[in-house]
Protein backbone atom coordinates (compact mmCIF):
# COMPACT_ATOMS: atom_id res chain seq x y z
CA MET A 1 21.94 36.20 -34.24
CA ARG A 2 19.13 35.14 -36.28
CA ALA A 3 15.26 35.61 -34.64
CA ALA A 4 13.74 32.63 -34.01
CA SER A 5 10.92 31.57 -36.22
CA SER A 6 7.47 30.84 -35.39
CA LEU A 7 6.05 27.89 -35.55
CA LEU A 8 2.21 27.06 -35.82
CA PHE A 9 0.85 23.70 -37.34
CA GLY A 10 3.85 23.04 -39.27
CA ILE A 11 4.46 26.41 -41.01
CA ALA A 12 7.29 28.56 -40.30
CA ILE A 13 7.34 32.22 -40.82
CA GLU A 14 10.49 33.50 -40.53
CA PRO A 15 9.91 37.32 -38.77
CA CYS A 16 12.19 39.19 -40.69
CA SER A 17 11.46 38.51 -44.40
CA GLY A 18 7.77 37.11 -43.83
CA ALA A 19 8.67 33.85 -45.74
CA VAL A 20 6.50 30.81 -44.93
CA MET A 21 8.23 27.49 -44.90
CA MET A 22 6.68 24.30 -44.33
CA VAL A 23 8.49 22.13 -42.13
CA HIS A 24 7.80 18.69 -39.96
CA PRO A 25 4.92 19.52 -37.57
CA PHE A 26 6.81 18.41 -34.71
CA ALA A 27 9.78 20.12 -35.87
CA ALA A 28 11.59 22.88 -33.41
CA ILE A 29 13.46 25.90 -35.44
CA GLU A 30 17.23 26.07 -33.84
CA GLY A 31 16.74 22.98 -32.46
CA GLU A 32 14.78 24.75 -28.86
CA MET A 33 12.14 22.60 -28.35
CA VAL A 34 14.49 19.58 -28.45
CA GLU A 35 16.85 21.22 -25.89
CA SER A 36 13.66 22.00 -23.68
CA ALA A 37 11.97 18.77 -23.63
CA ILE A 38 15.38 16.85 -23.05
CA ASN A 39 16.34 19.78 -19.88
CA GLN A 40 13.16 18.07 -18.69
CA VAL A 41 14.22 14.67 -18.03
CA GLN A 42 17.31 14.81 -16.82
CA VAL A 43 16.15 14.11 -13.26
CA ARG A 44 17.62 10.57 -12.65
CA GLU A 45 16.89 8.53 -9.07
CA LEU A 46 18.24 5.50 -7.96
CA VAL A 47 15.66 3.10 -7.61
CA VAL A 48 17.75 0.23 -5.23
CA GLY A 49 21.06 1.34 -7.29
CA VAL A 50 19.44 1.35 -10.55
CA PRO A 51 19.38 4.96 -12.16
CA VAL A 52 15.45 5.81 -13.37
CA HIS A 53 14.30 8.73 -15.36
CA ALA A 54 11.29 10.83 -13.07
CA LEU A 55 9.14 11.63 -16.18
CA GLY A 56 5.73 11.80 -17.42
CA TRP A 57 4.04 10.34 -20.65
CA THR A 58 4.38 13.82 -22.28
CA GLN A 59 8.08 14.32 -21.82
CA ALA A 60 9.08 10.69 -22.77
CA ILE A 61 7.02 10.95 -26.17
CA ASN A 62 8.33 14.41 -26.54
CA CYS A 63 11.91 13.33 -26.36
CA VAL A 64 11.44 10.15 -28.53
CA PHE A 65 10.01 12.36 -31.52
CA GLU A 66 12.43 15.18 -31.32
CA TRP A 67 15.39 12.64 -31.14
CA ALA A 68 13.90 10.92 -34.36
CA LEU A 69 13.11 13.96 -35.86
CA ARG A 70 17.15 14.79 -35.89
CA ARG A 71 17.42 11.21 -36.36
CA GLU A 72 19.80 10.76 -33.58
CA SER A 73 20.83 7.67 -32.67
CA ARG A 74 19.67 7.19 -29.10
CA THR A 75 18.50 4.17 -26.40
CA VAL A 76 15.24 4.27 -24.76
CA PHE A 77 14.71 1.57 -21.96
CA LEU A 78 11.84 0.35 -20.04
CA CYS A 79 12.74 -0.30 -16.33
CA ASN A 80 10.86 -2.96 -14.13
CA VAL A 81 11.33 -4.89 -11.02
CA HIS A 82 12.59 -7.37 -13.35
CA SER A 83 15.21 -4.99 -15.21
CA VAL A 84 16.36 -3.51 -11.56
CA VAL A 85 17.27 -7.04 -10.39
CA THR A 86 18.95 -8.08 -13.25
CA ALA A 87 21.16 -4.87 -12.97
CA ARG A 88 22.19 -5.76 -9.29
CA ARG A 89 23.10 -9.06 -10.41
CA ASN A 90 24.75 -8.35 -13.83
CA ARG A 91 27.19 -5.94 -14.07
CA ALA A 92 27.06 -6.03 -17.89
CA HIS A 93 23.07 -4.88 -17.87
CA ALA A 94 24.20 -2.52 -15.07
CA GLU A 95 26.39 -0.73 -17.30
CA ALA A 96 23.61 -0.91 -20.50
CA MET A 97 20.76 0.45 -17.98
CA GLU A 98 23.38 3.21 -16.99
CA SER A 99 24.37 4.16 -20.72
CA ALA A 100 20.67 4.76 -21.89
CA ASP A 101 19.47 8.00 -22.68
CA LEU A 102 16.39 7.58 -21.39
CA VAL A 103 14.88 5.22 -18.76
CA ALA A 104 11.40 5.10 -18.29
CA PRO A 105 9.72 3.74 -15.16
CA ASP A 106 7.72 0.97 -16.91
CA GLY A 107 6.73 -1.47 -13.53
CA ALA A 108 4.23 0.08 -11.26
CA PRO A 109 6.73 -0.76 -7.92
CA VAL A 110 9.37 1.26 -9.84
CA ALA A 111 7.40 4.24 -10.38
CA TRP A 112 6.22 3.79 -6.47
CA VAL A 113 9.73 3.92 -5.26
CA LEU A 114 10.00 7.58 -7.55
CA ARG A 115 6.85 8.78 -5.72
CA ARG A 116 8.00 7.88 -2.72
CA GLN A 117 11.57 9.96 -3.47
CA GLY A 118 9.58 13.35 -3.70
CA HIS A 119 8.18 13.15 -7.76
CA GLY A 120 4.59 12.86 -6.37
CA GLY A 121 2.20 11.97 -9.57
CA GLN A 122 4.98 9.76 -11.23
CA PRO A 123 2.94 7.47 -13.39
CA ARG A 124 4.32 3.85 -14.56
CA VAL A 125 5.12 4.49 -18.45
CA SER A 126 4.62 1.04 -19.71
CA GLY A 127 6.36 -0.42 -22.97
CA PRO A 128 3.05 -1.33 -24.14
CA ASP A 129 1.28 1.64 -23.79
CA LEU A 130 4.46 4.02 -24.95
CA MET A 131 4.46 1.92 -28.16
CA TRP A 132 0.95 2.05 -28.79
CA ARG A 133 0.98 6.03 -28.06
CA CYS A 134 3.95 6.52 -30.13
CA CYS A 135 2.62 4.70 -33.05
CA ARG A 136 -0.58 7.06 -32.92
CA ARG A 137 1.69 10.07 -32.75
CA ALA A 138 3.67 8.45 -35.47
CA SER A 139 0.79 7.92 -38.37
CA GLU A 140 -0.16 11.88 -37.58
CA LEU A 141 3.19 12.66 -38.42
CA GLY A 142 4.23 9.83 -40.78
CA THR A 143 7.57 9.36 -38.61
CA GLU A 144 9.13 6.08 -40.51
CA MET A 145 9.30 3.04 -37.97
CA PHE A 146 11.43 -0.18 -37.85
CA LEU A 147 10.07 -3.62 -35.86
CA TYR A 148 12.88 -5.72 -34.94
CA GLY A 149 12.63 -8.92 -33.07
CA ALA A 150 10.01 -11.66 -32.11
CA SER A 151 8.96 -14.69 -34.34
CA PRO A 152 8.19 -14.23 -38.09
CA GLY A 153 4.44 -14.97 -37.13
CA THR A 154 4.15 -12.65 -34.18
CA LEU A 155 6.40 -9.92 -36.13
CA GLY A 156 3.54 -10.44 -38.92
CA ARG A 157 0.77 -10.43 -36.49
CA LEU A 158 1.67 -7.06 -35.12
CA GLU A 159 2.52 -5.37 -38.17
CA GLN A 160 -1.05 -6.23 -39.37
CA ARG A 161 -2.71 -4.84 -36.15
CA ILE A 162 -0.72 -1.40 -36.13
CA ARG A 163 -1.37 -1.00 -39.54
CA THR A 164 -5.13 -1.42 -39.02
CA GLU A 165 -5.23 0.34 -35.98
CA PHE A 166 -3.50 3.30 -37.43
CA PRO A 167 -4.45 4.18 -41.06
CA GLY A 168 -1.34 5.75 -42.52
CA ILE A 169 1.38 4.23 -40.36
CA ASN A 170 4.82 4.48 -41.92
CA ILE A 171 6.44 1.01 -41.11
CA VAL A 172 9.82 1.02 -43.65
CA GLY A 173 10.69 -2.46 -42.43
CA THR A 174 10.70 -5.80 -40.28
CA TYR A 175 13.17 -8.26 -39.21
CA SER A 176 12.82 -11.34 -36.97
CA PRO A 177 16.69 -12.63 -35.95
CA PRO A 178 17.22 -16.40 -35.38
CA ARG A 179 17.23 -17.32 -31.80
CA ARG A 180 21.23 -17.68 -32.46
CA PRO A 181 23.82 -15.08 -32.09
CA LEU A 182 24.17 -12.71 -35.23
CA THR A 183 27.40 -13.24 -36.85
CA ASP A 184 29.51 -9.97 -36.92
CA ASP A 185 28.79 -9.69 -40.84
CA GLU A 186 24.76 -10.62 -40.43
CA ASP A 187 24.98 -7.79 -37.82
CA GLU A 188 26.46 -5.46 -39.96
CA ALA A 189 23.71 -6.31 -42.50
CA VAL A 190 20.90 -5.53 -40.25
CA VAL A 191 22.61 -1.97 -39.16
CA ARG A 192 22.83 -1.32 -43.09
CA MET A 193 19.07 -2.43 -43.16
CA ILE A 194 17.60 -0.79 -40.77
CA ASN A 195 19.66 2.71 -41.48
CA GLN A 196 18.91 2.08 -45.54
CA SER A 197 14.94 1.93 -44.59
CA GLY A 198 14.79 5.39 -43.21
CA ALA A 199 13.61 4.40 -40.20
CA ARG A 200 13.76 7.30 -37.53
CA ILE A 201 12.37 5.00 -34.75
CA VAL A 202 13.10 1.26 -33.82
CA TRP A 203 11.12 -0.75 -31.63
CA VAL A 204 12.97 -3.98 -30.55
CA GLY A 205 11.42 -7.04 -28.63
CA LEU A 206 13.79 -9.38 -27.68
CA GLY A 207 12.83 -9.73 -23.89
CA CYS A 208 15.38 -8.77 -20.84
CA PRO A 209 18.41 -8.50 -20.81
CA LYS A 210 18.68 -9.51 -24.73
CA GLN A 211 17.53 -6.22 -25.83
CA GLU A 212 19.27 -3.93 -23.65
CA ALA A 213 22.62 -5.40 -24.83
CA TRP A 214 21.32 -5.18 -28.38
CA LEU A 215 20.58 -1.42 -27.76
CA ARG A 216 24.14 -0.80 -25.98
CA ALA A 217 25.49 -2.40 -28.78
CA HIS A 218 23.61 -0.45 -31.96
CA ARG A 219 23.84 2.71 -30.20
CA GLY A 220 26.06 5.28 -32.54
CA ARG A 221 25.86 2.68 -35.18
CA ILE A 222 21.88 2.61 -36.16
CA ASN A 223 20.82 6.15 -37.09
CA ALA A 224 17.35 5.92 -35.25
CA VAL A 225 15.52 6.03 -31.59
CA MET A 226 15.55 2.19 -30.60
CA LEU A 227 13.24 1.69 -27.53
CA GLY A 228 13.36 -1.86 -25.85
CA VAL A 229 9.50 -2.84 -25.18
CA GLY A 230 9.99 -6.42 -24.21
CA ALA A 231 6.77 -8.35 -24.28
CA ALA A 232 4.78 -5.64 -26.03
CA PHE A 233 5.34 -7.22 -29.27
CA ASP A 234 3.47 -10.55 -27.91
CA PHE A 235 0.59 -8.48 -26.23
CA HIS A 236 -0.12 -5.95 -29.53
CA ALA A 237 0.15 -8.90 -31.68
CA GLY A 238 -2.64 -10.72 -29.43
CA ASP A 239 -0.21 -13.83 -28.73
CA ILE A 240 -0.60 -13.03 -24.69
CA LYS A 241 -3.37 -11.58 -23.60
CA ARG A 242 -3.01 -8.30 -21.16
CA ALA A 243 -3.91 -7.78 -17.98
CA PRO A 244 -7.53 -6.01 -17.11
CA GLN A 245 -6.55 -2.26 -16.27
CA TRP A 246 -7.62 -2.74 -12.94
CA MET A 247 -4.63 -5.31 -12.14
CA GLN A 248 -2.41 -2.87 -14.60
CA LYS A 249 -3.34 0.24 -11.96
CA CYS A 250 -2.84 -1.93 -8.87
CA GLY A 251 0.70 -3.18 -10.08
CA LEU A 252 -0.88 -6.71 -10.40
CA GLU A 253 0.07 -7.01 -14.39
CA TRP A 254 3.04 -9.55 -13.23
CA LEU A 255 0.08 -11.69 -10.93
CA HIS A 256 -1.77 -11.86 -14.49
CA ARG A 257 1.17 -13.17 -16.48
CA LEU A 258 2.03 -15.65 -14.04
CA SER A 259 -1.22 -16.95 -13.85
CA GLN A 260 -0.91 -17.43 -17.95
CA ASP A 261 2.01 -19.22 -17.83
CA PRO A 262 3.63 -20.39 -14.21
CA ARG A 263 6.12 -22.97 -15.67
CA ARG A 264 7.78 -20.43 -16.97
CA LEU A 265 7.80 -17.39 -15.15
CA ALA A 266 7.31 -18.37 -11.21
CA SER A 267 10.88 -18.36 -10.79
CA ARG A 268 11.03 -15.01 -12.56
CA TYR A 269 8.50 -13.09 -10.36
CA LEU A 270 8.79 -14.72 -7.29
CA VAL A 271 12.35 -14.81 -6.85
CA THR A 272 13.08 -11.46 -8.71
CA ASN A 273 10.12 -10.10 -6.58
CA SER A 274 11.41 -11.05 -3.68
CA LEU A 275 14.97 -9.53 -4.43
CA PHE A 276 13.68 -6.54 -4.91
CA ILE A 277 11.70 -6.03 -1.94
CA LEU A 278 15.03 -7.13 0.39
CA ALA A 279 17.04 -4.80 -1.93
CA LEU A 280 14.21 -1.96 -1.40
CA LEU A 281 14.35 -2.51 2.53
CA HIS A 282 18.00 -2.81 2.60
CA THR A 283 18.23 0.44 0.74
CA SER A 284 15.50 2.32 3.15
CA LEU A 285 17.40 0.81 6.32
CA LEU A 286 20.67 2.16 5.49
CA SER A 287 19.02 5.87 4.40
CA MET A 288 17.50 5.97 7.77
CA LEU A 289 20.22 4.54 9.75
CA GLY A 290 22.55 7.42 7.93
CA SER A 291 19.94 9.73 8.54
CA VAL A 292 19.86 8.70 12.43
CA THR A 293 23.70 9.28 12.34
CA VAL A 294 23.64 12.25 11.20
CA LYS A 295 21.20 13.89 13.76
CA ASP A 296 23.18 12.43 16.57
CA ARG A 297 26.28 14.24 15.33
CA HIS A 298 24.52 17.60 15.27
CA ARG A 299 22.93 16.68 18.56
CA THR A 300 26.39 15.97 20.13
CA GLY A 301 28.23 18.64 18.22
CA GLY A 302 30.36 16.11 16.56
CA SER A 303 31.94 16.72 13.02
CA PRO A 304 30.48 14.40 10.24
């Protein structure tokens, strides 16, 4: 087996020949870095029945770019309370969540549950922040990106904001789909457009559960990492003002959004938050009862 090359600042040096080869700054010889990062995010925990990865910022971003480097068709979901409740009520959405390559804890309550399950220090890997951090790295590496979703106006403002914040960013295409479902021919045209653009990362802003269904339907068809980030398009375009940092840290970003658009979001947040709490209590109660039953059997010498 050939000895692995060393990698430093984008320069690979062959240990035997001494030859120098310029490579992508984030590349990994023989896929070693890819395998190590992916292995770090194999831990999935059930958050009231929905599988979510326990991982930090570095792991999440590394996975995105390592998959992108290899042009692998992958899907990344951002899971919050709305996603969890939708998955419990909608089998198609649950199956989409289960099939995702990476499900990051977007909502503060989801991250809190993971911490309670033994993953101390689990951060909230929010969609808007993940998008911005990835844009920063993409601008440094020249990684090709595509923006899919939102209205033409929002999409235009988003692209302009990204280009302003990250000079040299390589946005190779954008597309604002119609509100109606695409025909099969239109969808095939979109797939060709994205693949021909050379995009390695595709940001999808369609909202839950529409974007998760889109991601699942295009895994294996689009040769890029696809991330569903929902309202991140609206936040970064400046269409919706994001909550102050202190509200984000306290898990109250939903309350800020509710105050901005109570008529549209009241049922979503009040109902889904209540259903999440009830599901969490139910799951916790079942876990406690199961633990008590096992202890009683051990005391009495009974078989499990």
